[in-house]
Every structure is written in structure tokens, then in C-alpha cells.
Amino acid sequence: VKRNLFGLSEDDKAELQWKPEDQLAMMNEAVHTNGSFLTALSAMIEKAQPLEGADHPIGVKPVQGLLQTVMREWSAEGSAERGSCFERLIGAVEGHLGAQAAAAASSGSARPRVLLPCSSLGRLAYDIKGRGYDCVCCEPRALQYFTCEYIQQHGAKESTTIQPFALSTCNRLQREDHVRKIPFPEMDILPGAFPEIRFGEFTRLFDAPGELAAFDALVTAFAVDVSPNIFRFVRTAAHVVRPGGLWANFGPLAFDTDHDEGHGHGIEISWDELRHAVSHFFDIEDEAFVNCFNAANGRSMMQIEYSCIFFSAVRNDKPSVGIGGAVV
């Protein structure tokens, strides 16, 4: 950027609305702002106990994705985007378990249990817990897992600022769109308000006899196609949800995963095929396709929009073979 701007002739520079030195100063400030957050996150990770099986992100892409996901889940700017996904899933949970949650709140009995695999930065689980449910999450990506911890430790409203699009100079509508500041979290996060989060992959963590029918609902948002084995994911879902319980899903079938080539890995199936697998263990009651963005730059002239499948399904009584020790 510096080379291109300062390489302009004086006549070309005279046409600029924004002096090159001012543009670079604001971009440098934005990069420094992101660096401050990432440095604090790195320091926290270094002090933490090593995570068994943790991935080691390489390159810029995972970090850029993290910054944009923070914006989506924990900033005011991300509200509209996440709402198109979260509102359907929360509505499905409330419709199926709302009366049970209300009865638990009035009687002091155990709240309905909801499990959220591949929960990213925990915002959906946070919102569901706030409505009176006992939520458990799992997250297999170390950066996301530790960022959840960071958000809990820095829970004061707008206590951290990022500028996630600092280097995105293409497709701008306004000249300073790429250096806009995104403070987070958008609200105060009180102690105890964050859900329980476990590190690890769903199909490994919950493949145990003790997890059989342990949850009243499973909620998946942009999660199913991240699994290393989508068929095992479905069977694990059937293992953990009690008969009569709910599975609510929202997301594409993009299969954006690091797993490939191994036995049972990297299989990219259609919605028709996935629906067939789900229907072995669940009765699908609601199904719709919804166009949705995911951690997008809302002020960019170029957008990637997903066609997402939303479904809500009720667990039948067919056993999930091969999970938690279950056999035919």
C-alpha cells in the first residue's frame, strides 16, 4: 500500500481525497489495535495448561477469521447477521422446551440441558443460557476456545477494540470503512453467565456411555460440516439427545475442514443424503433454506452468501450403533 500510494505522480496525488501519509497512519494504527488484542490473547494462551490435541494455526487466514468472528458474535455490528441464524435456533429451542424451562424456573428444578458442538466463540450458547437453559459447549479449535476464555476474563462492555478489516482496501464504499473500530463485547458479561465450554471434537468428547440421552436438545450452527466425519456426527447427536428431545440445525454444507483423505474423512455429501442419515434417528418436523452471511464485512461491495439448511427434528428411540459402546 505504501509503495503504491507514494509511487503516484504529484498530479495523481492531487486527485486523492485522503493524503497517502494519513491513510498509512490510520492503517498502521488499526494493525496496532489488532496486535494489542492478539498479544494479550497470546499471553493468556502461553500461561494456560497445554490442550491435548490442540491444533496449531498457520498463516494469516485463521487469525483474520477469528477477528471477523469476534465481530459477528460479540459486537453490536454483528447483531443483524447473527440474528438471522440465532433467532431461528433459539425459537426452535423455546418452542420445544420453553414450557419445561419455565416450569424449572418456577419450581427450582433442573433446567433443560442443551449441547452446542463446535460452538465457536460461545455467543449462541450464552444467549440460550440466558433464557433459562443449562448449556454445555465444545469447541475443537484452540484459537476460538481461548478467545472464549479471553472474553470471560475481559467481560466489561466494549473493553476491547479490534479493527478486523484493516488491510481490506478493496471493495470499499466509504474511504475509512476498512479502518472502522469494532468494540466488544457489546454488553457486560457477568460472572457465571458464560456457558460451560469443553475443548475437543464433539464426536470424541461425547462418545461415552455416560453421555447417553444426557441432553434435552442439540443445537448446531455452522457446525455439522466442520466435523471430520459427518455420519459419526449424526450418530453422536442421536447418542446424546434423549428420546423426544430436539436437534435444531442451521448452516451450509461447505465442508470447510482441515480433515481429508483419511478413512471416513473429507466426505462431502448433499442435503438429501444428510437428511437420509438424520432421519434414521430423528423425525424432521421443520425444514427451510435460508440465505445467510457468516462473519462477513457488511460494508464491503463483495459478499459471500450461504444458502443454509435450517431444520428442527425430534429424537426417536432407535439406538445409535457404534457410539458410546452401543451395539446391534
Protein backbone atom coordinates (compact mmCIF):
# COMPACT_ATOMS: atom_id res chain seq x y z
CA VAL A 1 0.00 0.00 0.00
CA LYS A 2 2.78 2.40 0.93
CA ARG A 3 4.67 1.69 -2.28
CA ASN A 4 1.59 2.16 -4.43
CA LEU A 5 0.46 5.38 -2.80
CA PHE A 6 3.84 7.08 -2.68
CA GLY A 7 4.60 5.83 -6.19
CA LEU A 8 1.89 8.06 -7.61
CA SER A 9 2.89 11.19 -9.50
CA GLU A 10 2.23 14.55 -7.90
CA ASP A 11 -0.62 15.07 -10.35
CA ASP A 12 -2.19 11.76 -9.28
CA LYS A 13 -1.72 12.56 -5.58
CA ALA A 14 -3.56 15.82 -6.12
CA GLU A 15 -6.68 13.79 -7.04
CA LEU A 16 -6.68 11.90 -3.72
CA GLN A 17 -9.24 12.92 -1.10
CA TRP A 18 -7.07 11.32 1.56
CA LYS A 19 -3.37 12.07 1.81
CA PRO A 20 -1.15 8.96 1.50
CA GLU A 21 0.57 9.63 4.83
CA ASP A 22 -2.82 9.94 6.58
CA GLN A 23 -4.07 6.69 5.01
CA LEU A 24 -0.99 4.80 6.12
CA ALA A 25 -1.11 6.29 9.61
CA MET A 26 -4.69 5.06 10.12
CA MET A 27 -3.89 1.61 8.73
CA ASN A 28 -0.84 1.33 10.99
CA GLU A 29 -2.98 2.33 13.95
CA ALA A 30 -5.55 -0.32 13.02
CA VAL A 31 -2.89 -3.03 12.74
CA HIS A 32 -1.51 -1.96 16.13
CA THR A 33 -5.02 -2.18 17.64
CA ASN A 34 -5.42 -5.74 16.38
CA GLY A 35 -1.91 -6.55 17.56
CA SER A 36 -2.72 -5.40 21.09
CA PHE A 37 -5.68 -7.79 21.29
CA LEU A 38 -3.74 -10.69 19.74
CA THR A 39 -0.75 -10.08 22.02
CA ALA A 40 -2.99 -10.22 25.09
CA LEU A 41 -4.63 -13.38 23.76
CA SER A 42 -1.23 -14.96 23.09
CA ALA A 43 -0.03 -14.13 26.59
CA MET A 44 -3.09 -15.82 28.06
CA ILE A 45 -2.54 -18.92 25.90
CA GLU A 46 1.11 -19.15 26.99
CA LYS A 47 0.06 -19.18 30.66
CA ALA A 48 -2.63 -21.81 30.16
CA GLN A 49 -2.23 -25.54 30.53
CA PRO A 50 -1.48 -27.22 27.18
CA LEU A 51 -4.56 -28.61 25.45
CA GLU A 52 -4.36 -32.22 24.36
CA GLY A 53 -4.77 -32.49 20.61
CA ALA A 54 -4.77 -28.73 20.06
CA ASP A 55 -4.27 -27.53 16.52
CA HIS A 56 -1.54 -25.07 15.58
CA PRO A 57 -2.97 -22.47 13.20
CA ILE A 58 -0.60 -21.49 10.39
CA GLY A 59 -0.64 -18.25 8.43
CA VAL A 60 -2.89 -15.21 8.44
CA LYS A 61 -6.21 -16.80 7.48
CA PRO A 62 -7.11 -18.31 10.90
CA VAL A 63 -6.32 -15.02 12.64
CA GLN A 64 -8.32 -12.98 10.13
CA GLY A 65 -11.20 -15.38 10.51
CA LEU A 66 -11.02 -15.07 14.29
CA LEU A 67 -11.17 -11.26 14.17
CA GLN A 68 -14.22 -11.35 11.92
CA THR A 69 -15.91 -13.98 14.11
CA VAL A 70 -15.38 -11.80 17.19
CA MET A 71 -17.18 -9.03 15.30
CA ARG A 72 -20.04 -11.36 14.32
CA GLU A 73 -20.62 -12.87 17.75
CA TRP A 74 -19.75 -10.19 20.28
CA SER A 75 -20.18 -6.75 18.70
CA ALA A 76 -23.19 -4.58 18.03
CA GLU A 77 -22.27 -4.55 14.33
CA GLY A 78 -22.68 -8.33 14.15
CA SER A 79 -26.20 -8.29 15.60
CA ALA A 80 -28.16 -8.39 12.34
CA GLU A 81 -26.01 -11.10 10.79
CA ARG A 82 -26.09 -13.47 13.74
CA GLY A 83 -29.78 -12.75 14.28
CA SER A 84 -30.76 -14.43 11.00
CA CYS A 85 -29.21 -17.64 12.35
CA PHE A 86 -29.64 -17.41 16.12
CA GLU A 87 -33.30 -16.37 16.15
CA ARG A 88 -34.41 -19.50 14.29
CA LEU A 89 -32.39 -21.81 16.52
CA ILE A 90 -33.46 -20.13 19.77
CA GLY A 91 -37.05 -20.15 18.52
CA ALA A 92 -36.84 -23.89 17.92
CA VAL A 93 -35.47 -24.49 21.43
CA GLU A 94 -38.12 -22.28 23.04
CA GLY A 95 -40.88 -23.93 21.04
CA HIS A 96 -39.81 -27.41 22.10
CA LEU A 97 -38.53 -26.83 25.64
CA GLY A 98 -39.91 -23.44 26.69
CA ALA A 99 -42.62 -24.86 28.94
CA GLN A 100 -40.11 -27.21 30.59
CA ALA A 101 -37.70 -24.30 31.17
CA ALA A 102 -40.46 -22.14 32.65
CA ALA A 103 -41.55 -24.94 34.98
CA ALA A 104 -37.95 -25.46 36.10
CA ALA A 105 -37.54 -21.76 36.81
CA SER A 106 -40.66 -21.60 38.96
CA SER A 107 -40.02 -24.84 40.85
CA GLY A 108 -36.25 -24.63 41.19
CA SER A 109 -35.80 -27.99 39.49
CA ALA A 110 -33.09 -28.85 36.98
CA ARG A 111 -33.15 -26.73 33.84
CA PRO A 112 -33.32 -28.37 30.40
CA ARG A 113 -29.85 -29.27 29.14
CA VAL A 114 -28.70 -28.02 25.75
CA LEU A 115 -25.49 -29.07 23.99
CA LEU A 116 -23.80 -26.93 21.32
CA PRO A 117 -20.98 -28.65 19.38
CA CYS A 118 -18.40 -26.58 17.51
CA SER A 119 -19.70 -23.55 19.38
CA SER A 120 -17.17 -21.05 18.00
CA LEU A 121 -16.96 -18.08 20.41
CA GLY A 122 -19.90 -19.14 22.56
CA ARG A 123 -22.38 -16.35 21.84
CA LEU A 124 -25.28 -18.58 20.80
CA ALA A 125 -24.81 -20.72 23.91
CA TYR A 126 -24.58 -17.56 26.02
CA ASP A 127 -27.90 -16.33 24.62
CA ILE A 128 -29.61 -19.70 25.14
CA LYS A 129 -28.32 -19.98 28.71
CA GLY A 130 -29.68 -16.51 29.41
CA ARG A 131 -33.17 -17.80 28.56
CA GLY A 132 -33.12 -20.36 31.34
CA TYR A 133 -31.29 -23.39 29.97
CA ASP A 134 -28.27 -25.33 31.21
CA CYS A 135 -25.82 -25.10 28.30
CA VAL A 136 -22.68 -27.10 27.54
CA CYS A 137 -20.45 -26.30 24.55
CA CYS A 138 -17.48 -27.91 22.90
CA GLU A 139 -15.00 -26.27 20.55
CA PRO A 140 -12.18 -28.12 18.72
CA ARG A 141 -10.25 -25.04 17.52
CA ALA A 142 -7.72 -23.70 20.00
CA LEU A 143 -7.94 -20.06 18.91
CA GLN A 144 -11.70 -19.99 19.36
CA TYR A 145 -11.53 -21.87 22.65
CA PHE A 146 -9.03 -19.47 24.19
CA THR A 147 -10.85 -16.44 22.82
CA CYS A 148 -13.90 -17.60 24.77
CA GLU A 149 -11.70 -17.57 27.86
CA TYR A 150 -10.44 -14.10 26.95
CA ILE A 151 -13.99 -12.78 26.62
CA GLN A 152 -14.87 -14.15 30.05
CA GLN A 153 -11.80 -12.52 31.61
CA HIS A 154 -12.39 -9.20 29.82
CA GLY A 155 -16.16 -9.10 30.13
CA ALA A 156 -16.68 -5.38 30.72
CA LYS A 157 -18.76 -3.75 27.99
CA GLU A 158 -16.67 -2.65 24.99
CA SER A 159 -13.44 -3.16 26.94
CA THR A 160 -11.52 -4.38 23.88
CA THR A 161 -11.38 -2.93 20.38
CA ILE A 162 -10.41 -4.56 17.10
CA GLN A 163 -10.27 -3.31 13.51
CA PRO A 164 -10.71 -6.58 11.61
CA PHE A 165 -10.65 -5.18 8.07
CA ALA A 166 -7.52 -3.05 8.42
CA LEU A 167 -5.85 -4.49 5.32
CA SER A 168 -9.01 -4.92 3.22
CA THR A 169 -8.62 -1.96 0.87
CA CYS A 170 -10.66 -3.46 -1.99
CA ASN A 171 -14.44 -3.16 -2.44
CA ARG A 172 -14.91 -0.24 -0.04
CA LEU A 173 -17.97 2.00 -0.19
CA GLN A 174 -16.51 4.71 2.04
CA ARG A 175 -12.85 5.55 2.31
CA GLU A 176 -12.48 4.68 6.01
CA ASP A 177 -14.64 1.55 6.07
CA HIS A 178 -11.62 -0.74 6.40
CA VAL A 179 -10.27 1.03 9.49
CA ARG A 180 -13.52 1.29 11.43
CA LYS A 181 -13.30 0.29 15.07
CA ILE A 182 -15.29 -2.63 16.48
CA PRO A 183 -15.53 -2.64 20.30
CA PHE A 184 -16.53 -5.83 22.13
CA PRO A 185 -18.24 -7.34 23.99
CA GLU A 186 -21.36 -5.30 23.34
CA MET A 187 -22.64 -5.87 26.89
CA ASP A 188 -21.24 -6.58 30.33
CA ILE A 189 -20.70 -10.31 30.81
CA LEU A 190 -21.43 -11.10 34.42
CA PRO A 191 -19.60 -13.85 36.34
CA GLY A 192 -21.29 -17.20 35.82
CA ALA A 193 -23.22 -16.04 32.75
CA PHE A 194 -20.93 -17.79 30.27
CA PRO A 195 -21.77 -21.43 29.47
CA GLU A 196 -19.50 -24.36 30.22
CA ILE A 197 -17.07 -24.89 27.33
CA ARG A 198 -15.03 -28.04 26.79
CA PHE A 199 -12.11 -28.26 24.41
CA GLY A 200 -12.25 -31.01 21.84
CA GLU A 201 -14.12 -32.52 18.93
CA PHE A 202 -17.76 -33.42 19.53
CA THR A 203 -17.60 -36.98 18.24
CA ARG A 204 -14.69 -37.78 20.57
CA LEU A 205 -15.80 -35.95 23.71
CA PHE A 206 -19.31 -37.39 23.76
CA ASP A 207 -18.66 -40.93 22.56
CA ALA A 208 -19.12 -42.33 26.07
CA PRO A 209 -21.79 -44.41 27.82
CA GLY A 210 -22.36 -41.65 30.37
CA GLU A 211 -23.48 -39.22 27.67
CA LEU A 212 -26.37 -41.42 26.52
CA ALA A 213 -29.58 -39.34 26.41
CA ALA A 214 -27.86 -36.75 28.61
CA PHE A 215 -29.32 -33.70 26.84
CA ASP A 216 -32.75 -32.37 26.06
CA ALA A 217 -31.56 -30.60 22.91
CA LEU A 218 -28.66 -30.32 20.50
CA VAL A 219 -28.14 -27.01 18.69
CA THR A 220 -25.72 -26.75 15.76
CA ALA A 221 -24.84 -23.50 13.98
CA PHE A 222 -22.33 -23.70 11.11
CA ALA A 223 -21.11 -26.88 12.79
CA VAL A 224 -22.22 -30.06 11.03
CA ASP A 225 -19.95 -29.68 8.01
CA VAL A 226 -16.91 -28.85 10.16
CA SER A 227 -16.89 -32.35 11.62
CA PRO A 228 -14.20 -34.77 10.42
CA ASN A 229 -16.88 -37.44 9.91
CA ILE A 230 -20.41 -36.22 9.27
CA PHE A 231 -22.01 -39.66 9.65
CA ARG A 232 -20.41 -40.18 13.04
CA PHE A 233 -21.54 -36.66 13.95
CA VAL A 234 -25.15 -37.66 13.27
CA ARG A 235 -24.85 -40.86 15.30
CA THR A 236 -23.23 -38.97 18.19
CA ALA A 237 -26.08 -36.47 18.04
CA ALA A 238 -28.50 -39.37 18.35
CA HIS A 239 -26.49 -40.76 21.27
CA VAL A 240 -26.59 -37.60 23.39
CA VAL A 241 -30.18 -36.44 22.78
CA ARG A 242 -32.88 -38.15 24.80
CA PRO A 243 -35.91 -39.68 23.04
CA GLY A 244 -38.35 -36.85 22.46
CA GLY A 245 -35.52 -34.31 22.57
CA LEU A 246 -34.68 -31.75 19.91
CA TRP A 247 -31.98 -31.27 17.28
CA ALA A 248 -32.03 -27.77 15.75
CA ASN A 249 -29.52 -27.04 12.98
CA PHE A 250 -28.59 -24.02 10.87
CA GLY A 251 -25.73 -23.85 8.38
CA PRO A 252 -24.41 -24.69 4.93
CA LEU A 253 -22.73 -27.82 3.65
CA ALA A 254 -19.46 -26.10 2.75
CA PHE A 255 -17.28 -28.81 4.38
CA ASP A 256 -14.57 -26.27 5.20
CA THR A 257 -12.42 -28.60 7.28
CA ASP A 258 -8.78 -29.50 7.77
CA HIS A 259 -9.61 -33.21 7.70
CA ASP A 260 -9.15 -35.01 4.42
CA GLU A 261 -8.17 -38.28 2.79
CA GLY A 262 -8.39 -40.35 5.98
CA HIS A 263 -10.88 -43.20 6.23
CA GLY A 264 -14.32 -41.71 6.79
CA HIS A 265 -12.95 -38.16 6.47
CA GLY A 266 -13.47 -35.50 3.89
CA ILE A 267 -16.78 -36.92 2.64
CA GLU A 268 -18.85 -34.15 1.08
CA ILE A 269 -22.49 -35.18 0.91
CA SER A 270 -25.66 -33.49 -0.30
CA TRP A 271 -28.52 -32.27 1.90
CA ASP A 272 -30.62 -35.14 0.53
CA GLU A 273 -28.01 -37.63 1.76
CA LEU A 274 -27.61 -35.89 5.12
CA ARG A 275 -31.36 -35.76 5.57
CA HIS A 276 -31.49 -39.52 5.00
CA ALA A 277 -28.86 -40.10 7.72
CA VAL A 278 -30.55 -37.76 10.19
CA SER A 279 -33.94 -39.39 9.56
CA HIS A 280 -32.71 -42.72 10.91
CA PHE A 281 -32.70 -41.24 14.42
CA PHE A 282 -34.80 -38.07 14.24
CA ASP A 283 -38.19 -37.09 12.85
CA ILE A 284 -37.67 -33.85 10.93
CA GLU A 285 -40.58 -31.52 11.69
CA ASP A 286 -39.41 -28.25 10.15
CA GLU A 287 -37.09 -27.63 7.22
CA ALA A 288 -36.16 -24.48 5.29
CA PHE A 289 -33.38 -22.95 3.23
CA VAL A 290 -32.23 -19.52 4.41
CA ASN A 291 -29.69 -17.20 2.79
CA CYS A 292 -27.18 -16.01 5.37
CA PHE A 293 -23.77 -14.37 5.75
CA ASN A 294 -21.14 -15.62 8.19
CA ALA A 295 -18.61 -13.18 9.69
CA ALA A 296 -18.84 -11.01 6.59
CA ASN A 297 -17.68 -7.44 6.10
CA GLY A 298 -21.06 -5.74 5.97
CA ARG A 299 -19.63 -2.64 4.31
CA SER A 300 -17.86 -4.47 1.50
CA MET A 301 -19.05 -4.35 -2.10
CA MET A 302 -18.26 -8.08 -2.37
CA GLN A 303 -20.09 -10.59 -0.18
CA ILE A 304 -20.23 -14.37 0.15
CA GLU A 305 -23.74 -15.52 0.97
CA TYR A 306 -24.52 -19.08 2.04
CA SER A 307 -27.69 -20.99 1.35
CA CYS A 308 -28.16 -22.59 4.76
CA ILE A 309 -30.32 -25.51 5.77
CA PHE A 310 -32.40 -24.99 8.89
CA PHE A 311 -34.13 -27.98 10.40
CA SER A 312 -35.67 -28.95 13.70
CA ALA A 313 -36.06 -32.63 14.45
CA VAL A 314 -37.28 -34.79 17.33
CA ARG A 315 -35.32 -37.81 18.54
CA ASN A 316 -36.93 -41.21 18.08
CA ASP A 317 -35.97 -44.32 20.06
CA LYS A 318 -33.67 -46.02 17.54
CA PRO A 319 -30.28 -46.77 19.20
CA SER A 320 -27.16 -45.13 17.83
CA VAL A 321 -24.96 -48.08 16.91
CA GLY A 322 -21.21 -47.74 17.39
CA ILE A 323 -21.38 -44.74 19.73
CA GLY A 324 -20.86 -44.96 23.48
CA GLY A 325 -20.46 -48.70 23.30
CA ALA A 326 -23.87 -49.28 21.71
CA VAL A 327 -24.13 -52.43 19.57
CA VAL A 328 -26.82 -54.01 17.44
